[in-house]
């Protein structure tokens, strides 16, 4: 039993048009299992497409992080000074806390 007409049905027509794709004989297979299978495939396709986009975005993010780190390392290396060759050059060590012995 159908409560809502399918697409293409004439609602106010007096000549009694039927819904498009409606089975006139009851000997054929019902359309509901076919529609359920198509809906499941559509949901699966949508899920796979979403997972694909997420994995592509994560791949692009990883590549961006690697390239950005490499660019930063090259930038810092090219702007080094002769004092960078010494150990702890540029480090700020606490002078008052070292070897106080109290």
PDB file of N, CA and C in Angstrom:
ATOM      1  N   UNK A   1       0.840  -1.167   0.000  1.00  0.00           N
ATOM      2  CA  UNK A   1       0.000   0.000   0.000  1.00  0.00           C
ATOM      3  C   UNK A   1       0.888   1.233   0.000  1.00  0.00           C
ATOM      4  N   UNK A   2       0.583   2.171  -0.862  1.00  0.00           N
ATOM      5  CA  UNK A   2       1.354   3.396  -0.988  1.00  0.00           C
ATOM      6  C   UNK A   2       0.514   4.574  -0.538  1.00  0.00           C
ATOM      7  N   UNK A   3       1.141   5.419   0.243  1.00  0.00           N
ATOM      8  CA  UNK A   3       0.461   6.622   0.687  1.00  0.00           C
ATOM      9  C   UNK A   3       0.872   7.836  -0.134  1.00  0.00           C
ATOM     10  N   UNK A   4       2.142   7.861  -0.589  1.00  0.00           N
ATOM     11  CA  UNK A   4       2.631   8.987  -1.360  1.00  0.00           C
ATOM     12  C   UNK A   4       2.895   8.540  -2.794  1.00  0.00           C
ATOM     13  N   UNK A   5       2.512   9.332  -3.779  1.00  0.00           N
ATOM     14  CA  UNK A   5       2.766   8.952  -5.173  1.00  0.00           C
ATOM     15  C   UNK A   5       4.235   9.149  -5.532  1.00  0.00           C
ATOM     16  N   UNK A   6       4.698   8.403  -6.537  1.00  0.00           N
ATOM     17  CA  UNK A   6       6.056   8.578  -7.035  1.00  0.00           C
ATOM     18  C   UNK A   6       6.110   9.822  -7.900  1.00  0.00           C
ATOM     19  N   UNK A   7       7.329  10.187  -8.337  1.00  0.00           N
ATOM     20  CA  UNK A   7       7.500  11.345  -9.192  1.00  0.00           C
ATOM     21  C   UNK A   7       6.774  11.143 -10.514  1.00  0.00           C
ATOM     22  N   UNK A   8       6.209  12.185 -11.036  1.00  0.00           N
ATOM     23  CA  UNK A   8       5.556  12.127 -12.331  1.00  0.00           C
ATOM     24  C   UNK A   8       4.088  11.769 -12.252  1.00  0.00           C
ATOM     25  N   UNK A   9       3.550  11.651 -11.101  1.00  0.00           N
ATOM     26  CA  UNK A   9       2.148  11.281 -10.974  1.00  0.00           C
ATOM     27  C   UNK A   9       1.274  12.537 -11.075  1.00  0.00           C
ATOM     28  N   UNK A  10       0.166  12.396 -11.740  1.00  0.00           N
ATOM     29  CA  UNK A  10      -0.793  13.500 -11.858  1.00  0.00           C
ATOM     30  C   UNK A  10      -1.730  13.417 -10.671  1.00  0.00           C
ATOM     31  N   UNK A  11      -1.694  14.378  -9.818  1.00  0.00           N
ATOM     32  CA  UNK A  11      -2.502  14.325  -8.596  1.00  0.00           C
ATOM     33  C   UNK A  11      -3.959  14.688  -8.863  1.00  0.00           C
ATOM     34  N   UNK A  12      -4.193  15.720  -9.642  1.00  0.00           N
ATOM     35  CA  UNK A  12      -5.563  16.187  -9.847  1.00  0.00           C
ATOM     36  C   UNK A  12      -6.166  15.708 -11.154  1.00  0.00           C
ATOM     37  N   UNK A  13      -5.496  14.848 -11.827  1.00  0.00           N
ATOM     38  CA  UNK A  13      -5.951  14.410 -13.137  1.00  0.00           C
ATOM     39  C   UNK A  13      -7.194  13.525 -13.016  1.00  0.00           C
ATOM     40  N   UNK A  14      -8.116  13.707 -13.909  1.00  0.00           N
ATOM     41  CA  UNK A  14      -9.332  12.894 -13.887  1.00  0.00           C
ATOM     42  C   UNK A  14      -9.188  11.646 -14.745  1.00  0.00           C
ATOM     43  N   UNK A  15      -8.108  11.569 -15.568  1.00  0.00           N
ATOM     44  CA  UNK A  15      -7.955  10.409 -16.435  1.00  0.00           C
ATOM     45  C   UNK A  15      -7.168   9.290 -15.748  1.00  0.00           C
ATOM     46  N   UNK A  16      -6.816   9.437 -14.478  1.00  0.00           N
ATOM     47  CA  UNK A  16      -6.270   8.341 -13.678  1.00  0.00           C
ATOM     48  C   UNK A  16      -4.875   7.899 -14.092  1.00  0.00           C
ATOM     49  N   UNK A  17      -3.945   8.830 -14.200  1.00  0.00           N
ATOM     50  CA  UNK A  17      -2.590   8.412 -14.540  1.00  0.00           C
ATOM     51  C   UNK A  17      -1.944   7.773 -13.324  1.00  0.00           C
ATOM     52  N   UNK A  18      -1.035   6.852 -13.555  1.00  0.00           N
ATOM     53  CA  UNK A  18      -0.390   6.110 -12.487  1.00  0.00           C
ATOM     54  C   UNK A  18       1.023   6.617 -12.279  1.00  0.00           C
ATOM     55  N   UNK A  19       1.608   6.256 -11.188  1.00  0.00           N
ATOM     56  CA  UNK A  19       2.980   6.664 -10.893  1.00  0.00           C
ATOM     57  C   UNK A  19       3.939   5.987 -11.867  1.00  0.00           C
ATOM     58  N   UNK A  20       5.002   6.688 -12.194  1.00  0.00           N
ATOM     59  CA  UNK A  20       5.988   6.144 -13.116  1.00  0.00           C
ATOM     60  C   UNK A  20       6.726   5.005 -12.441  1.00  0.00           C
ATOM     61  N   UNK A  21       6.876   3.897 -13.145  1.00  0.00           N
ATOM     62  CA  UNK A  21       7.622   2.762 -12.626  1.00  0.00           C
ATOM     63  C   UNK A  21       6.823   1.878 -11.695  1.00  0.00           C
ATOM     64  N   UNK A  22       5.548   2.080 -11.559  1.00  0.00           N
ATOM     65  CA  UNK A  22       4.751   1.270 -10.662  1.00  0.00           C
ATOM     66  C   UNK A  22       4.396  -0.040 -11.364  1.00  0.00           C
ATOM     67  N   UNK A  23       4.542  -1.140 -10.655  1.00  0.00           N
ATOM     68  CA  UNK A  23       4.220  -2.449 -11.229  1.00  0.00           C
ATOM     69  C   UNK A  23       2.712  -2.640 -11.271  1.00  0.00           C
ATOM     70  N   UNK A  24       2.192  -3.057 -12.437  1.00  0.00           N
ATOM     71  CA  UNK A  24       0.761  -3.295 -12.561  1.00  0.00           C
ATOM     72  C   UNK A  24       0.420  -4.729 -12.191  1.00  0.00           C
ATOM     73  N   UNK A  25       1.375  -5.635 -12.365  1.00  0.00           N
ATOM     74  CA  UNK A  25       1.108  -7.021 -11.989  1.00  0.00           C
ATOM     75  C   UNK A  25       1.883  -7.343 -10.716  1.00  0.00           C
ATOM     76  N   UNK A  26       1.336  -8.245  -9.941  1.00  0.00           N
ATOM     77  CA  UNK A  26       1.971  -8.586  -8.671  1.00  0.00           C
ATOM     78  C   UNK A  26       2.907  -9.777  -8.813  1.00  0.00           C
ATOM     79  N   UNK A  27       3.097 -10.295 -10.031  1.00  0.00           N
ATOM     80  CA  UNK A  27       3.954 -11.459 -10.208  1.00  0.00           C
ATOM     81  C   UNK A  27       5.433 -11.093 -10.222  1.00  0.00           C
ATOM     82  N   UNK A  28       5.789  -9.832 -10.506  1.00  0.00           N
ATOM     83  CA  UNK A  28       7.180  -9.387 -10.565  1.00  0.00           C
ATOM     84  C   UNK A  28       7.767  -9.240  -9.167  1.00  0.00           C
ATOM     85  N   UNK A  29       9.070  -9.150  -9.105  1.00  0.00           N
ATOM     86  CA  UNK A  29       9.710  -8.977  -7.790  1.00  0.00           C
ATOM     87  C   UNK A  29       9.422  -7.580  -7.237  1.00  0.00           C
ATOM     88  N   UNK A  30       9.296  -7.468  -5.951  1.00  0.00           N
ATOM     89  CA  UNK A  30       9.044  -6.152  -5.362  1.00  0.00           C
ATOM     90  C   UNK A  30      10.264  -5.253  -5.526  1.00  0.00           C
ATOM     91  N   UNK A  31      10.000  -3.962  -5.617  1.00  0.00           N
ATOM     92  CA  UNK A  31      11.077  -2.999  -5.843  1.00  0.00           C
ATOM     93  C   UNK A  31      11.762  -2.559  -4.557  1.00  0.00           C
ATOM     94  N   UNK A  32      11.186  -2.838  -3.424  1.00  0.00           N
ATOM     95  CA  UNK A  32      11.745  -2.367  -2.160  1.00  0.00           C
ATOM     96  C   UNK A  32      13.114  -2.954  -1.863  1.00  0.00           C
ATOM     97  N   UNK A  33      13.367  -4.266  -2.032  1.00  0.00           N
ATOM     98  CA  UNK A  33      14.726  -4.766  -1.772  1.00  0.00           C
ATOM     99  C   UNK A  33      15.756  -4.175  -2.731  1.00  0.00           C
ATOM    100  N   UNK A  34      15.368  -3.943  -3.979  1.00  0.00           N
ATOM    101  CA  UNK A  34      16.288  -3.344  -4.939  1.00  0.00           C
ATOM    102  C   UNK A  34      16.619  -1.923  -4.513  1.00  0.00           C
ATOM    103  N   UNK A  35      15.625  -1.197  -4.060  1.00  0.00           N
ATOM    104  CA  UNK A  35      15.853   0.169  -3.601  1.00  0.00           C
ATOM    105  C   UNK A  35      16.730   0.176  -2.348  1.00  0.00           C
ATOM    106  N   UNK A  36      16.544  -0.801  -1.475  1.00  0.00           N
ATOM    107  CA  UNK A  36      17.352  -0.880  -0.263  1.00  0.00           C
ATOM    108  C   UNK A  36      18.811  -1.168  -0.610  1.00  0.00           C
ATOM    109  N   UNK A  37      19.042  -2.026  -1.590  1.00  0.00           N
ATOM    110  CA  UNK A  37      20.403  -2.346  -2.013  1.00  0.00           C
ATOM    111  C   UNK A  37      21.046  -1.118  -2.648  1.00  0.00           C
ATOM    112  N   UNK A  38      20.299  -0.397  -3.481  1.00  0.00           N
ATOM    113  CA  UNK A  38      20.832   0.811  -4.104  1.00  0.00           C
ATOM    114  C   UNK A  38      21.145   1.874  -3.059  1.00  0.00           C
ATOM    115  N   UNK A  39      20.296   1.978  -2.052  1.00  0.00           N
ATOM    116  CA  UNK A  39      20.535   2.946  -0.979  1.00  0.00           C
ATOM    117  C   UNK A  39      21.784   2.569  -0.194  1.00  0.00           C
ATOM    118  N   UNK A  40      21.979   1.287   0.073  1.00  0.00           N
ATOM    119  CA  UNK A  40      23.165   0.830   0.799  1.00  0.00           C
ATOM    120  C   UNK A  40      24.426   1.112  -0.013  1.00  0.00           C
ATOM    121  N   UNK A  41      24.360   0.883  -1.329  1.00  0.00           N
ATOM    122  CA  UNK A  41      25.510   1.158  -2.182  1.00  0.00           C
ATOM    123  C   UNK A  41      25.798   2.656  -2.229  1.00  0.00           C
ATOM    124  N   UNK A  42      24.769   3.476  -2.243  1.00  0.00           N
ATOM    125  CA  UNK A  42      24.958   4.924  -2.252  1.00  0.00           C
ATOM    126  C   UNK A  42      25.604   5.383  -0.939  1.00  0.00           C
ATOM    127  N   UNK A  43      25.146   4.816   0.182  1.00  0.00           N
ATOM    128  CA  UNK A  43      25.741   5.166   1.475  1.00  0.00           C
ATOM    129  C   UNK A  43      27.199   4.729   1.544  1.00  0.00           C
ATOM    130  N   UNK A  44      27.471   3.522   1.011  1.00  0.00           N
ATOM    131  CA  UNK A  44      28.849   3.023   1.011  1.00  0.00           C
ATOM    132  C   UNK A  44      29.736   3.881   0.119  1.00  0.00           C
ATOM    133  N   UNK A  45      29.205   4.291  -1.017  1.00  0.00           N
ATOM    134  CA  UNK A  45      29.965   5.153  -1.921  1.00  0.00           C
ATOM    135  C   UNK A  45      30.255   6.499  -1.256  1.00  0.00           C
ATOM    136  N   UNK A  46      29.261   7.039  -0.576  1.00  0.00           N
ATOM    137  CA  UNK A  46      29.441   8.314   0.121  1.00  0.00           C
ATOM    138  C   UNK A  46      30.478   8.176   1.228  1.00  0.00           C
ATOM    139  N   UNK A  47      30.446   7.070   1.955  1.00  0.00           N
ATOM    140  CA  UNK A  47      31.407   6.830   3.029  1.00  0.00           C
ATOM    141  C   UNK A  47      32.817   6.700   2.459  1.00  0.00           C
ATOM    142  N   UNK A  48      32.974   5.944   1.386  1.00  0.00           N
ATOM    143  CA  UNK A  48      34.293   5.782   0.775  1.00  0.00           C
ATOM    144  C   UNK A  48      34.823   7.108   0.232  1.00  0.00           C
ATOM    145  N   UNK A  49      33.944   7.909  -0.339  1.00  0.00           N
ATOM    146  CA  UNK A  49      34.358   9.217  -0.846  1.00  0.00           C
ATOM    147  C   UNK A  49      34.816  10.115   0.299  1.00  0.00           C
ATOM    148  N   UNK A  50      34.115  10.079   1.415  1.00  0.00           N
ATOM    149  CA  UNK A  50      34.487  10.887   2.578  1.00  0.00           C
ATOM    150  C   UNK A  50      35.832  10.430   3.142  1.00  0.00           C
ATOM    151  N   UNK A  51      36.015   9.129   3.268  1.00  0.00           N
ATOM    152  CA  UNK A  51      37.278   8.599   3.778  1.00  0.00           C
ATOM    153  C   UNK A  51      38.418   8.955   2.831  1.00  0.00           C
ATOM    154  N   UNK A  52      38.168   8.915   1.540  1.00  0.00           N
ATOM    155  CA  UNK A  52      39.180   9.298   0.558  1.00  0.00           C
ATOM    156  C   UNK A  52      39.596  10.744   0.689  1.00  0.00           C
ATOM    157  N   UNK A  53      38.628  11.635   0.863  1.00  0.00           N
ATOM    158  CA  UNK A  53      38.945  13.062   1.016  1.00  0.00           C
ATOM    159  C   UNK A  53      39.727  13.312   2.310  1.00  0.00           C
ATOM    160  N   UNK A  54      39.340  12.618   3.379  1.00  0.00           N
ATOM    161  CA  UNK A  54      40.042  12.799   4.654  1.00  0.00           C
ATOM    162  C   UNK A  54      41.476  12.311   4.545  1.00  0.00           C
ATOM    163  N   UNK A  55      41.683  11.158   3.908  1.00  0.00           N
ATOM    164  CA  UNK A  55      43.051  10.647   3.781  1.00  0.00           C
ATOM    165  C   UNK A  55      43.886  11.545   2.872  1.00  0.00           C
ATOM    166  N   UNK A  56      43.281  12.103   1.834  1.00  0.00           N
ATOM    167  CA  UNK A  56      44.018  13.035   0.966  1.00  0.00           C
ATOM    168  C   UNK A  56      44.402  14.298   1.737  1.00  0.00           C
ATOM    169  N   UNK A  57      43.508  14.787   2.574  1.00  0.00           N
ATOM    170  CA  UNK A  57      43.800  15.987   3.367  1.00  0.00           C
ATOM    171  C   UNK A  57      44.915  15.713   4.370  1.00  0.00           C
ATOM    172  N   UNK A  58      44.895  14.547   5.001  1.00  0.00           N
ATOM    173  CA  UNK A  58      45.958  14.217   5.955  1.00  0.00           C
ATOM    174  C   UNK A  58      47.300  14.041   5.243  1.00  0.00           C
ATOM    175  N   UNK A  59      47.283  13.482   4.050  1.00  0.00           N
ATOM    176  CA  UNK A  59      48.511  13.358   3.270  1.00  0.00           C
ATOM    177  C   UNK A  59      49.076  14.714   2.903  1.00  0.00           C
ATOM    178  N   UNK A  60      48.203  15.620   2.475  1.00  0.00           N
ATOM    179  CA  UNK A  60      48.650  16.975   2.131  1.00  0.00           C
ATOM    180  C   UNK A  60      49.192  17.696   3.369  1.00  0.00           C
ATOM    181  N   UNK A  61      48.566  17.494   4.505  1.00  0.00           N
ATOM    182  CA  UNK A  61      49.046  18.094   5.752  1.00  0.00           C
ATOM    183  C   UNK A  61      50.427  17.564   6.115  1.00  0.00           C
ATOM    184  N   UNK A  62      50.627  16.252   6.004  1.00  0.00           N
ATOM    185  CA  UNK A  62      51.927  15.663   6.326  1.00  0.00           C
ATOM    186  C   UNK A  62      53.017  16.185   5.394  1.00  0.00           C
ATOM    187  N   UNK A  63      52.721  16.265   4.120  1.00  0.00           N
ATOM    188  CA  UNK A  63      53.697  16.796   3.162  1.00  0.00           C
ATOM    189  C   UNK A  63      54.005  18.257   3.470  1.00  0.00           C
ATOM    190  N   UNK A  64      52.998  19.031   3.807  1.00  0.00           N
ATOM    191  CA  UNK A  64      53.203  20.436   4.168  1.00  0.00           C
ATOM    192  C   UNK A  64      54.075  20.596   5.399  1.00  0.00           C
ATOM    193  N   UNK A  65      53.870  19.739   6.400  1.00  0.00           N
ATOM    194  CA  UNK A  65      54.697  19.814   7.605  1.00  0.00           C
ATOM    195  C   UNK A  65      56.150  19.457   7.306  1.00  0.00           C
ATOM    196  N   UNK A  66      56.357  18.443   6.500  1.00  0.00           N
ATOM    197  CA  UNK A  66      57.726  18.027   6.171  1.00  0.00           C
ATOM    198  C   UNK A  66      58.438  19.114   5.366  1.00  0.00           C
ATOM    199  N   UNK A  67      57.756  19.654   4.367  1.00  0.00           N
ATOM    200  CA  UNK A  67      58.365  20.707   3.535  1.00  0.00           C
ATOM    201  C   UNK A  67      58.614  21.960   4.359  1.00  0.00           C
ATOM    202  N   UNK A  68      57.687  22.329   5.216  1.00  0.00           N
ATOM    203  CA  UNK A  68      57.870  23.508   6.065  1.00  0.00           C
ATOM    204  C   UNK A  68      59.022  23.359   7.030  1.00  0.00           C
ATOM    205  N   UNK A  69      59.180  22.175   7.600  1.00  0.00           N
ATOM    206  CA  UNK A  69      60.305  21.939   8.510  1.00  0.00           C
ATOM    207  C   UNK A  69      61.627  22.034   7.770  1.00  0.00           C
ATOM    208  N   UNK A  70      61.687  21.469   6.578  1.00  0.00           N
ATOM    209  CA  UNK A  70      62.917  21.530   5.786  1.00  0.00           C
ATOM    210  C   UNK A  70      63.272  22.964   5.409  1.00  0.00           C
ATOM    211  N   UNK A  71      62.282  23.745   5.025  1.00  0.00           N
ATOM    212  CA  UNK A  71      62.521  25.155   4.676  1.00  0.00           C
ATOM    213  C   UNK A  71      63.018  25.934   5.897  1.00  0.00           C
ATOM    214  N   UNK A  72      62.433  25.672   7.057  1.00  0.00           N
ATOM    215  CA  UNK A  72      62.860  26.374   8.277  1.00  0.00           C
ATOM    216  C   UNK A  72      64.285  25.992   8.664  1.00  0.00           C
ATOM    217  N   UNK A  73      64.615  24.709   8.546  1.00  0.00           N
ATOM    218  CA  UNK A  73      65.982  24.290   8.867  1.00  0.00           C
ATOM    219  C   UNK A  73      66.999  24.933   7.927  1.00  0.00           C
ATOM    220  N   UNK A  74      66.684  25.017   6.664  1.00  0.00           N
ATOM    221  CA  UNK A  74      67.595  25.658   5.704  1.00  0.00           C
ATOM    222  C   UNK A  74      67.724  27.150   6.003  1.00  0.00           C
ATOM    223  N   UNK A  75      66.613  27.786   6.358  1.00  0.00           N
ATOM    224  CA  UNK A  75      66.631  29.210   6.692  1.00  0.00           C
ATOM    225  C   UNK A  75      67.542  29.455   7.898  1.00  0.00           C
ATOM    226  N   UNK A  76      67.359  28.649   8.939  1.00  0.00           N
ATOM    227  CA  UNK A  76      68.182  28.830  10.141  1.00  0.00           C
ATOM    228  C   UNK A  76      69.652  28.513   9.865  1.00  0.00           C
ATOM    229  N   UNK A  77      69.910  27.509   9.034  1.00  0.00           N
ATOM    230  CA  UNK A  77      71.291  27.141   8.738  1.00  0.00           C
ATOM    231  C   UNK A  77      71.992  28.233   7.947  1.00  0.00           C
ATOM    232  N   UNK A  78      71.305  28.863   7.032  1.00  0.00           N
ATOM    233  CA  UNK A  78      71.920  29.908   6.208  1.00  0.00           C
ATOM    234  C   UNK A  78      72.152  31.200   6.978  1.00  0.00           C
ATOM    235  N   UNK A  79      71.513  31.390   8.121  1.00  0.00           N
ATOM    236  CA  UNK A  79      71.674  32.610   8.895  1.00  0.00           C
ATOM    237  C   UNK A  79      72.427  32.375  10.202  1.00  0.00           C
ATOM    238  N   UNK A  80      73.293  31.402  10.221  1.00  0.00           N
ATOM    239  CA  UNK A  80      74.076  31.127  11.425  1.00  0.00           C
ATOM    240  C   UNK A  80      75.267  32.102  11.519  1.00  0.00           C
ATOM    241  N   UNK A  81      75.793  32.238  12.706  1.00  0.00           N
ATOM    242  CA  UNK A  81      76.940  33.121  12.956  1.00  0.00           C
ATOM    243  C   UNK A  81      78.148  32.263  13.328  1.00  0.00           C
ATOM    244  N   UNK A  82      79.344  32.847  13.351  1.00  0.00           N
ATOM    245  CA  UNK A  82      80.519  32.065  13.779  1.00  0.00           C
ATOM    246  C   UNK A  82      80.423  31.585  15.216  1.00  0.00           C
ATOM    247  N   UNK A  83      79.666  32.277  16.046  1.00  0.00           N
ATOM    248  CA  UNK A  83      79.539  31.877  17.444  1.00  0.00           C
ATOM    249  C   UNK A  83      78.658  30.641  17.606  1.00  0.00           C
ATOM    250  N   UNK A  84      77.910  30.285  16.584  1.00  0.00           N
ATOM    251  CA  UNK A  84      77.072  29.099  16.664  1.00  0.00           C
ATOM    252  C   UNK A  84      77.896  27.817  16.692  1.00  0.00           C
ATOM    253  N   UNK A  85      79.187  27.891  16.382  1.00  0.00           N
ATOM    254  CA  UNK A  85      80.027  26.703  16.401  1.00  0.00           C
ATOM    255  C   UNK A  85      80.377  26.283  17.823  1.00  0.00           C
ATOM    256  N   UNK A  86      80.306  27.218  18.786  1.00  0.00           N
ATOM    257  CA  UNK A  86      80.627  26.904  20.170  1.00  0.00           C
ATOM    258  C   UNK A  86      79.434  26.235  20.850  1.00  0.00           C
ATOM    259  N   UNK A  87      79.736  25.406  21.813  1.00  0.00           N
ATOM    260  CA  UNK A  87      78.672  24.726  22.547  1.00  0.00           C
ATOM    261  C   UNK A  87      77.873  25.732  23.373  1.00  0.00           C
ATOM    262  N   UNK A  88      76.633  25.607  23.398  1.00  0.00           N
ATOM    263  CA  UNK A  88      75.691  26.439  24.151  1.00  0.00           C
ATOM    264  C   UNK A  88      75.765  27.911  23.757  1.00  0.00           C
ATOM    265  N   UNK A  89      76.099  28.213  22.543  1.00  0.00           N
ATOM    266  CA  UNK A  89      76.137  29.619  22.142  1.00  0.00           C
ATOM    267  C   UNK A  89      74.711  30.133  22.028  1.00  0.00           C
ATOM    268  N   UNK A  90      74.462  31.225  22.674  1.00  0.00           N
ATOM    269  CA  UNK A  90      73.132  31.815  22.645  1.00  0.00           C
ATOM    270  C   UNK A  90      72.208  31.303  23.722  1.00  0.00           C
ATOM    271  N   UNK A  91      72.599  30.272  24.457  1.00  0.00           N
ATOM    272  CA  UNK A  91      71.759  29.766  25.537  1.00  0.00           C
ATOM    273  C   UNK A  91      71.874  30.688  26.731  1.00  0.00           C
ATOM    274  N   UNK A  92      70.779  30.929  27.372  1.00  0.00           N
ATOM    275  CA  UNK A  92      70.788  31.751  28.573  1.00  0.00           C
ATOM    276  C   UNK A  92      70.763  30.825  29.779  1.00  0.00           C
ATOM    277  N   UNK A  93      71.906  30.696  30.443  1.00  0.00           N
ATOM    278  CA  UNK A  93      71.989  29.842  31.613  1.00  0.00           C
ATOM    279  C   UNK A  93      71.791  30.702  32.857  1.00  0.00           C
ATOM    280  N   UNK A  94      71.124  30.186  33.834  1.00  0.00           N
ATOM    281  CA  UNK A  94      70.952  30.947  35.079  1.00  0.00           C
ATOM    282  C   UNK A  94      72.267  31.026  35.844  1.00  0.00           C
ATOM    283  N   UNK A  95      72.801  32.244  36.028  1.00  0.00           N
ATOM    284  CA  UNK A  95      74.090  32.425  36.670  1.00  0.00           C
ATOM    285  C   UNK A  95      74.001  32.241  38.183  1.00  0.00           C
ATOM    286  N   UNK A  96      72.942  32.671  38.797  1.00  0.00           N
ATOM    287  CA  UNK A  96      72.829  32.665  40.254  1.00  0.00           C
ATOM    288  C   UNK A  96      72.607  31.256  40.797  1.00  0.00           C
ATOM    289  N   UNK A  97      72.030  30.378  40.027  1.00  0.00           N
ATOM    290  CA  UNK A  97      71.694  29.046  40.530  1.00  0.00           C
ATOM    291  C   UNK A  97      72.817  28.033  40.355  1.00  0.00           C
ATOM    292  N   UNK A  98      73.846  28.367  39.613  1.00  0.00           N
ATOM    293  CA  UNK A  98      74.905  27.390  39.349  1.00  0.00           C
ATOM    294  C   UNK A  98      75.912  27.354  40.490  1.00  0.00           C
ATOM    295  N   UNK A  99      76.204  26.182  41.004  1.00  0.00           N
ATOM    296  CA  UNK A  99      77.206  25.888  42.040  1.00  0.00           C
ATOM    297  C   UNK A  99      77.113  26.839  43.228  1.00  0.00           C
ATOM    298  N   UNK A 100      75.950  26.953  43.791  1.00  0.00           N
ATOM    299  CA  UNK A 100      75.766  27.829  44.939  1.00  0.00           C
ATOM    300  C   UNK A 100      76.119  27.073  46.221  1.00  0.00           C
ATOM    301  N   UNK A 101      75.864  25.831  46.342  1.00  0.00           N
ATOM    302  CA  UNK A 101      76.293  25.007  47.462  1.00  0.00           C
ATOM    303  C   UNK A 101      75.603  25.284  48.782  1.00  0.00           C
ATOM    304  N   UNK A 102      74.492  25.896  48.840  1.00  0.00           N
ATOM    305  CA  UNK A 102      73.790  26.128  50.107  1.00  0.00           C
ATOM    306  C   UNK A 102      72.782  25.038  50.296  1.00  0.00           C
TER     307      UNK A 102
END
